Amino acid sequence: MECNFIEFTYVLKRASKKYKSLENAGFAYFDPNRREYKLIIRGKPSTHFYFLRTIKTIGSQQYYLLEKSIRNAQNTYFERRVVGEGHYSSLTNGVIHIILRNRKRIERFILQPQYNGEFKNAA
């Protein structure tokens, strides 16, 4: 079976305010056909998928939209909702900063290339 995605080359880390540290939170890969990142976040239901796509590029700054896609009982994706945003620039030390807004709390993540690579331009 052929896979259209690049291997899992991005690491997702959760920023812990309480411990002032970063903990592994999952991984991501870039889908060149849809021009977006698919994020697999540990601890989230397997029926929820998260997607990060570029919405605006200004100079070296990129702004992202974080969407959540939910599967129904027939195993089809039926809805995408905006649940956060992201930002990348020369000031973010080579990582994308992501904010996920849940009903009860805000979670902060960073997405970084796993092998000192570069981010794909999703614009």
N, C-alpha and C. Protein backbone atom coordinates (compact mmCIF):
# COMPACT_ATOMS: atom_id res chain seq x y z
N MET A 1 0.83 -1.17 0.00
CA MET A 1 0.00 0.00 0.00
C MET A 1 0.89 1.24 0.00
N GLU A 2 0.64 2.15 -0.92
CA GLU A 2 1.44 3.35 -1.05
C GLU A 2 0.90 4.44 -0.14
N CYS A 3 1.80 5.15 0.50
CA CYS A 3 1.41 6.24 1.39
C CYS A 3 1.80 7.56 0.74
N ASN A 4 0.89 8.49 0.69
CA ASN A 4 1.16 9.80 0.08
C ASN A 4 1.83 10.77 1.03
N PHE A 5 2.04 10.38 2.26
CA PHE A 5 2.58 11.29 3.25
C PHE A 5 4.07 11.09 3.44
N ILE A 6 4.75 12.15 3.81
CA ILE A 6 6.14 12.07 4.20
C ILE A 6 6.18 11.36 5.55
N GLU A 7 7.28 10.67 5.84
CA GLU A 7 7.38 9.98 7.12
C GLU A 7 7.20 10.95 8.28
N PHE A 8 7.02 10.41 9.46
CA PHE A 8 6.79 11.23 10.65
C PHE A 8 8.06 11.99 10.99
N THR A 9 8.20 13.16 10.43
CA THR A 9 9.44 13.91 10.60
C THR A 9 9.29 15.10 11.54
N TYR A 10 8.14 15.23 12.18
CA TYR A 10 7.91 16.35 13.08
C TYR A 10 7.50 15.84 14.45
N VAL A 11 8.06 16.43 15.47
CA VAL A 11 7.77 16.05 16.86
C VAL A 11 6.88 17.12 17.48
N LEU A 12 5.85 16.67 18.17
CA LEU A 12 4.94 17.57 18.85
C LEU A 12 5.21 17.49 20.35
N LYS A 13 5.42 18.65 20.97
CA LYS A 13 5.70 18.68 22.41
C LYS A 13 4.71 19.62 23.09
N ARG A 14 4.26 19.20 24.27
CA ARG A 14 3.32 19.99 25.07
C ARG A 14 4.13 20.85 26.05
N ALA A 15 3.81 22.12 26.08
CA ALA A 15 4.48 23.03 27.01
C ALA A 15 3.75 22.97 28.34
N SER A 16 4.46 22.56 29.37
CA SER A 16 3.89 22.42 30.70
C SER A 16 4.22 23.66 31.50
N LYS A 17 3.20 24.45 31.81
CA LYS A 17 3.40 25.66 32.60
C LYS A 17 3.77 25.30 34.04
N LYS A 18 3.13 24.26 34.55
CA LYS A 18 3.34 23.85 35.93
C LYS A 18 4.80 23.44 36.17
N TYR A 19 5.34 22.65 35.22
CA TYR A 19 6.70 22.15 35.38
C TYR A 19 7.72 22.96 34.58
N LYS A 20 7.25 23.96 33.83
CA LYS A 20 8.11 24.81 33.01
C LYS A 20 9.02 23.98 32.12
N SER A 21 8.42 23.00 31.43
CA SER A 21 9.21 22.12 30.59
C SER A 21 8.38 21.69 29.38
N LEU A 22 9.01 20.93 28.50
CA LEU A 22 8.34 20.37 27.34
C LEU A 22 8.28 18.86 27.49
N GLU A 23 7.11 18.28 27.20
CA GLU A 23 6.97 16.83 27.26
C GLU A 23 6.47 16.33 25.91
N ASN A 24 6.89 15.14 25.54
CA ASN A 24 6.45 14.59 24.26
C ASN A 24 4.93 14.45 24.25
N ALA A 25 4.32 14.91 23.15
CA ALA A 25 2.86 14.90 23.07
C ALA A 25 2.37 14.23 21.80
N GLY A 26 3.26 13.77 20.95
CA GLY A 26 2.83 13.13 19.73
C GLY A 26 3.76 13.43 18.57
N PHE A 27 3.21 13.39 17.37
CA PHE A 27 4.01 13.61 16.17
C PHE A 27 3.12 14.18 15.09
N ALA A 28 3.75 14.55 13.99
CA ALA A 28 3.01 15.13 12.87
C ALA A 28 3.73 14.81 11.58
N TYR A 29 2.98 14.88 10.50
CA TYR A 29 3.58 14.77 9.18
C TYR A 29 2.87 15.72 8.23
N PHE A 30 3.56 16.05 7.16
CA PHE A 30 3.04 17.00 6.18
C PHE A 30 2.43 16.24 5.02
N ASP A 31 1.22 16.59 4.66
CA ASP A 31 0.52 16.00 3.51
C ASP A 31 0.72 16.95 2.33
N PRO A 32 1.57 16.60 1.36
CA PRO A 32 1.82 17.51 0.25
C PRO A 32 0.61 17.70 -0.66
N ASN A 33 -0.29 16.74 -0.70
CA ASN A 33 -1.48 16.87 -1.54
C ASN A 33 -2.46 17.90 -0.98
N ARG A 34 -2.64 17.92 0.32
CA ARG A 34 -3.57 18.86 0.94
C ARG A 34 -2.87 20.11 1.47
N ARG A 35 -1.53 20.10 1.45
CA ARG A 35 -0.71 21.23 1.88
C ARG A 35 -1.00 21.60 3.34
N GLU A 36 -1.01 20.56 4.19
CA GLU A 36 -1.26 20.79 5.62
C GLU A 36 -0.56 19.71 6.43
N TYR A 37 -0.38 19.99 7.71
CA TYR A 37 0.19 19.03 8.65
C TYR A 37 -0.93 18.27 9.33
N LYS A 38 -0.73 16.97 9.51
CA LYS A 38 -1.67 16.18 10.31
C LYS A 38 -0.98 15.88 11.63
N LEU A 39 -1.64 16.24 12.73
CA LEU A 39 -1.07 16.07 14.06
C LEU A 39 -1.75 14.91 14.77
N ILE A 40 -0.97 14.05 15.35
CA ILE A 40 -1.46 12.95 16.19
C ILE A 40 -1.05 13.31 17.61
N ILE A 41 -2.05 13.65 18.44
CA ILE A 41 -1.78 14.11 19.80
C ILE A 41 -2.10 13.00 20.78
N ARG A 42 -1.11 12.63 21.58
CA ARG A 42 -1.32 11.59 22.61
C ARG A 42 -2.35 12.07 23.61
N GLY A 43 -3.20 11.14 24.03
CA GLY A 43 -4.21 11.46 25.03
C GLY A 43 -5.50 11.99 24.46
N LYS A 44 -5.57 12.17 23.16
CA LYS A 44 -6.80 12.63 22.52
C LYS A 44 -7.52 11.43 21.93
N PRO A 45 -8.84 11.45 21.83
CA PRO A 45 -9.58 10.31 21.27
C PRO A 45 -9.13 9.99 19.85
N SER A 46 -9.14 8.71 19.51
CA SER A 46 -8.70 8.29 18.17
C SER A 46 -9.67 8.72 17.09
N THR A 47 -10.84 9.19 17.46
CA THR A 47 -11.80 9.68 16.47
C THR A 47 -11.55 11.13 16.10
N HIS A 48 -10.63 11.79 16.80
CA HIS A 48 -10.32 13.19 16.53
C HIS A 48 -8.97 13.28 15.84
N PHE A 49 -8.93 14.02 14.75
CA PHE A 49 -7.67 14.30 14.06
C PHE A 49 -7.49 15.80 14.00
N TYR A 50 -6.25 16.24 14.11
CA TYR A 50 -5.94 17.66 14.10
C TYR A 50 -5.13 17.98 12.86
N PHE A 51 -5.44 19.13 12.26
CA PHE A 51 -4.78 19.57 11.05
C PHE A 51 -4.31 21.01 11.22
N LEU A 52 -3.10 21.28 10.76
CA LEU A 52 -2.53 22.62 10.85
C LEU A 52 -2.24 23.09 9.44
N ARG A 53 -2.85 24.21 9.04
CA ARG A 53 -2.62 24.70 7.69
C ARG A 53 -2.32 26.19 7.72
N THR A 54 -1.51 26.61 6.77
CA THR A 54 -1.13 28.01 6.68
C THR A 54 -2.31 28.84 6.20
N ILE A 55 -2.57 29.95 6.88
CA ILE A 55 -3.63 30.84 6.42
C ILE A 55 -3.07 32.16 5.91
N LYS A 56 -1.84 32.51 6.36
CA LYS A 56 -1.27 33.78 5.93
C LYS A 56 0.24 33.74 6.08
N THR A 57 0.94 34.31 5.11
CA THR A 57 2.38 34.45 5.18
C THR A 57 2.72 35.91 4.95
N ILE A 58 3.45 36.50 5.89
CA ILE A 58 3.90 37.88 5.76
C ILE A 58 5.40 37.88 5.98
N GLY A 59 6.14 38.06 4.90
CA GLY A 59 7.60 38.01 5.00
C GLY A 59 8.04 36.63 5.46
N SER A 60 8.78 36.58 6.57
CA SER A 60 9.24 35.29 7.10
C SER A 60 8.29 34.73 8.16
N GLN A 61 7.18 35.42 8.42
CA GLN A 61 6.22 34.95 9.41
C GLN A 61 5.10 34.16 8.74
N GLN A 62 4.73 33.06 9.38
CA GLN A 62 3.61 32.26 8.90
C GLN A 62 2.59 32.10 10.03
N TYR A 63 1.33 32.22 9.67
CA TYR A 63 0.24 32.05 10.62
C TYR A 63 -0.57 30.82 10.21
N TYR A 64 -0.94 30.02 11.20
CA TYR A 64 -1.60 28.74 10.95
C TYR A 64 -2.96 28.71 11.62
N LEU A 65 -3.80 27.86 11.09
CA LEU A 65 -5.12 27.58 11.67
C LEU A 65 -5.11 26.12 12.09
N LEU A 66 -5.51 25.83 13.33
CA LEU A 66 -5.59 24.46 13.84
C LEU A 66 -7.04 24.01 13.78
N GLU A 67 -7.29 22.92 13.08
CA GLU A 67 -8.64 22.39 12.95
C GLU A 67 -8.71 20.98 13.51
N LYS A 68 -9.88 20.64 14.03
CA LYS A 68 -10.12 19.28 14.53
C LYS A 68 -11.18 18.65 13.64
N SER A 69 -10.90 17.44 13.19
CA SER A 69 -11.85 16.69 12.38
C SER A 69 -12.35 15.52 13.21
N ILE A 70 -13.66 15.31 13.18
CA ILE A 70 -14.28 14.27 14.00
C ILE A 70 -14.90 13.22 13.10
N ARG A 71 -14.67 11.95 13.44
CA ARG A 71 -15.27 10.84 12.68
C ARG A 71 -16.61 10.47 13.30
N ASN A 72 -17.53 10.06 12.44
CA ASN A 72 -18.82 9.58 12.94
C ASN A 72 -18.79 8.05 13.04
N ALA A 73 -19.91 7.44 13.36
CA ALA A 73 -20.00 5.99 13.56
C ALA A 73 -19.68 5.21 12.28
N GLN A 74 -19.91 5.82 11.12
CA GLN A 74 -19.62 5.15 9.85
C GLN A 74 -18.16 5.30 9.44
N ASN A 75 -17.34 5.86 10.34
CA ASN A 75 -15.91 6.01 10.12
C ASN A 75 -15.59 6.99 8.99
N THR A 76 -16.45 7.96 8.78
CA THR A 76 -16.18 9.00 7.79
C THR A 76 -16.01 10.32 8.53
N TYR A 77 -15.24 11.21 7.92
CA TYR A 77 -15.04 12.51 8.53
C TYR A 77 -16.19 13.40 8.13
N PHE A 78 -16.83 13.99 9.09
CA PHE A 78 -18.00 14.77 8.73
C PHE A 78 -17.92 16.24 9.12
N GLU A 79 -16.92 16.62 9.86
CA GLU A 79 -16.88 18.01 10.29
C GLU A 79 -15.46 18.40 10.69
N ARG A 80 -15.09 19.62 10.34
CA ARG A 80 -13.85 20.23 10.81
C ARG A 80 -14.20 21.50 11.54
N ARG A 81 -13.62 21.65 12.72
CA ARG A 81 -13.85 22.84 13.53
C ARG A 81 -12.51 23.51 13.84
N VAL A 82 -12.51 24.82 13.84
CA VAL A 82 -11.31 25.57 14.23
C VAL A 82 -11.19 25.51 15.74
N VAL A 83 -10.02 25.03 16.22
CA VAL A 83 -9.82 24.88 17.66
C VAL A 83 -8.57 25.59 18.16
N GLY A 84 -7.88 26.30 17.26
CA GLY A 84 -6.68 27.00 17.69
C GLY A 84 -5.93 27.62 16.54
N GLU A 85 -4.73 28.08 16.87
CA GLU A 85 -3.90 28.71 15.85
C GLU A 85 -2.43 28.44 16.14
N GLY A 86 -1.60 28.80 15.17
CA GLY A 86 -0.17 28.62 15.31
C GLY A 86 0.59 29.77 14.69
N HIS A 87 1.87 29.86 15.02
CA HIS A 87 2.70 30.96 14.53
C HIS A 87 4.13 30.47 14.37
N TYR A 88 4.76 30.89 13.27
CA TYR A 88 6.16 30.57 13.01
C TYR A 88 6.84 31.82 12.47
N SER A 89 8.02 32.12 12.99
CA SER A 89 8.81 33.24 12.47
C SER A 89 10.27 33.00 12.85
N SER A 90 11.12 33.94 12.48
CA SER A 90 12.53 33.82 12.84
C SER A 90 12.74 33.93 14.35
N LEU A 91 11.76 34.45 15.06
CA LEU A 91 11.86 34.61 16.51
C LEU A 91 11.43 33.37 17.30
N THR A 92 10.86 32.36 16.64
CA THR A 92 10.36 31.18 17.35
C THR A 92 11.39 30.05 17.41
N ASN A 93 12.63 30.35 17.11
CA ASN A 93 13.73 29.38 17.20
C ASN A 93 13.50 28.12 16.38
N GLY A 94 12.92 28.26 15.21
CA GLY A 94 12.77 27.13 14.30
C GLY A 94 11.63 26.18 14.61
N VAL A 95 10.68 26.60 15.45
CA VAL A 95 9.53 25.74 15.78
C VAL A 95 8.24 26.51 15.52
N ILE A 96 7.15 25.77 15.36
CA ILE A 96 5.82 26.37 15.25
C ILE A 96 5.18 26.33 16.63
N HIS A 97 4.76 27.47 17.13
CA HIS A 97 4.04 27.53 18.40
C HIS A 97 2.55 27.38 18.12
N ILE A 98 1.91 26.47 18.84
CA ILE A 98 0.50 26.14 18.61
C ILE A 98 -0.29 26.34 19.91
N ILE A 99 -1.46 26.93 19.79
CA ILE A 99 -2.38 27.06 20.93
C ILE A 99 -3.65 26.29 20.58
N LEU A 100 -4.00 25.32 21.41
CA LEU A 100 -5.22 24.53 21.26
C LEU A 100 -6.20 24.97 22.34
N ARG A 101 -7.35 25.46 21.93
CA ARG A 101 -8.36 25.93 22.88
C ARG A 101 -9.43 24.85 23.06
N ASN A 102 -9.43 24.24 24.24
CA ASN A 102 -10.48 23.29 24.61
C ASN A 102 -11.56 24.05 25.36
N ARG A 103 -12.64 23.39 25.64
CA ARG A 103 -13.72 24.04 26.40
C ARG A 103 -13.26 24.46 27.78
N LYS A 104 -12.45 23.63 28.41
CA LYS A 104 -12.09 23.86 29.80
C LYS A 104 -10.73 24.51 29.98
N ARG A 105 -9.84 24.40 28.98
CA ARG A 105 -8.49 24.92 29.18
C ARG A 105 -7.81 25.21 27.84
N ILE A 106 -6.67 25.85 27.96
CA ILE A 106 -5.84 26.13 26.79
C ILE A 106 -4.58 25.29 26.91
N GLU A 107 -4.24 24.60 25.82
CA GLU A 107 -3.01 23.81 25.79
C GLU A 107 -2.05 24.44 24.80
N ARG A 108 -0.78 24.46 25.16
CA ARG A 108 0.26 25.02 24.29
C ARG A 108 1.19 23.90 23.84
N PHE A 109 1.47 23.93 22.54
CA PHE A 109 2.35 22.92 21.94
C PHE A 109 3.41 23.62 21.09
N ILE A 110 4.48 22.89 20.83
CA ILE A 110 5.41 23.32 19.79
C ILE A 110 5.57 22.14 18.82
N LEU A 111 5.76 22.47 17.57
CA LEU A 111 5.98 21.48 16.53
C LEU A 111 7.35 21.76 15.95
N GLN A 112 8.22 20.75 16.01
CA GLN A 112 9.58 20.95 15.53
C GLN A 112 10.01 19.82 14.62
N PRO A 113 10.87 20.13 13.63
CA PRO A 113 11.39 19.07 12.78
C PRO A 113 12.21 18.09 13.61
N GLN A 114 12.06 16.80 13.32
CA GLN A 114 12.72 15.78 14.12
C GLN A 114 14.21 15.67 13.83
N TYR A 115 14.61 15.84 12.59
CA TYR A 115 16.00 15.62 12.20
C TYR A 115 16.66 16.90 11.72
N ASN A 116 16.52 18.00 12.46
CA ASN A 116 17.09 19.29 12.08
C ASN A 116 16.71 19.69 10.66
N GLY A 117 15.52 19.34 10.27
CA GLY A 117 15.05 19.65 8.93
C GLY A 117 14.33 20.98 8.90
N GLU A 118 13.68 21.24 7.81
CA GLU A 118 12.94 22.46 7.61
C GLU A 118 11.46 22.16 7.54
N PHE A 119 10.65 23.15 7.81
CA PHE A 119 9.21 23.00 7.63
C PHE A 119 8.87 23.16 6.18
N LYS A 120 7.89 22.40 5.75
CA LYS A 120 7.38 22.55 4.38
C LYS A 120 6.52 23.80 4.32
N ASN A 121 6.63 24.53 3.25
CA ASN A 121 5.79 25.72 3.09
C ASN A 121 4.41 25.27 2.68
N ALA A 122 3.47 25.42 3.59
CA ALA A 122 2.11 24.96 3.35
C ALA A 122 1.25 26.02 2.69
N ALA A 123 1.84 27.15 2.31
CA ALA A 123 1.05 28.23 1.68
C ALA A 123 0.76 27.91 0.24
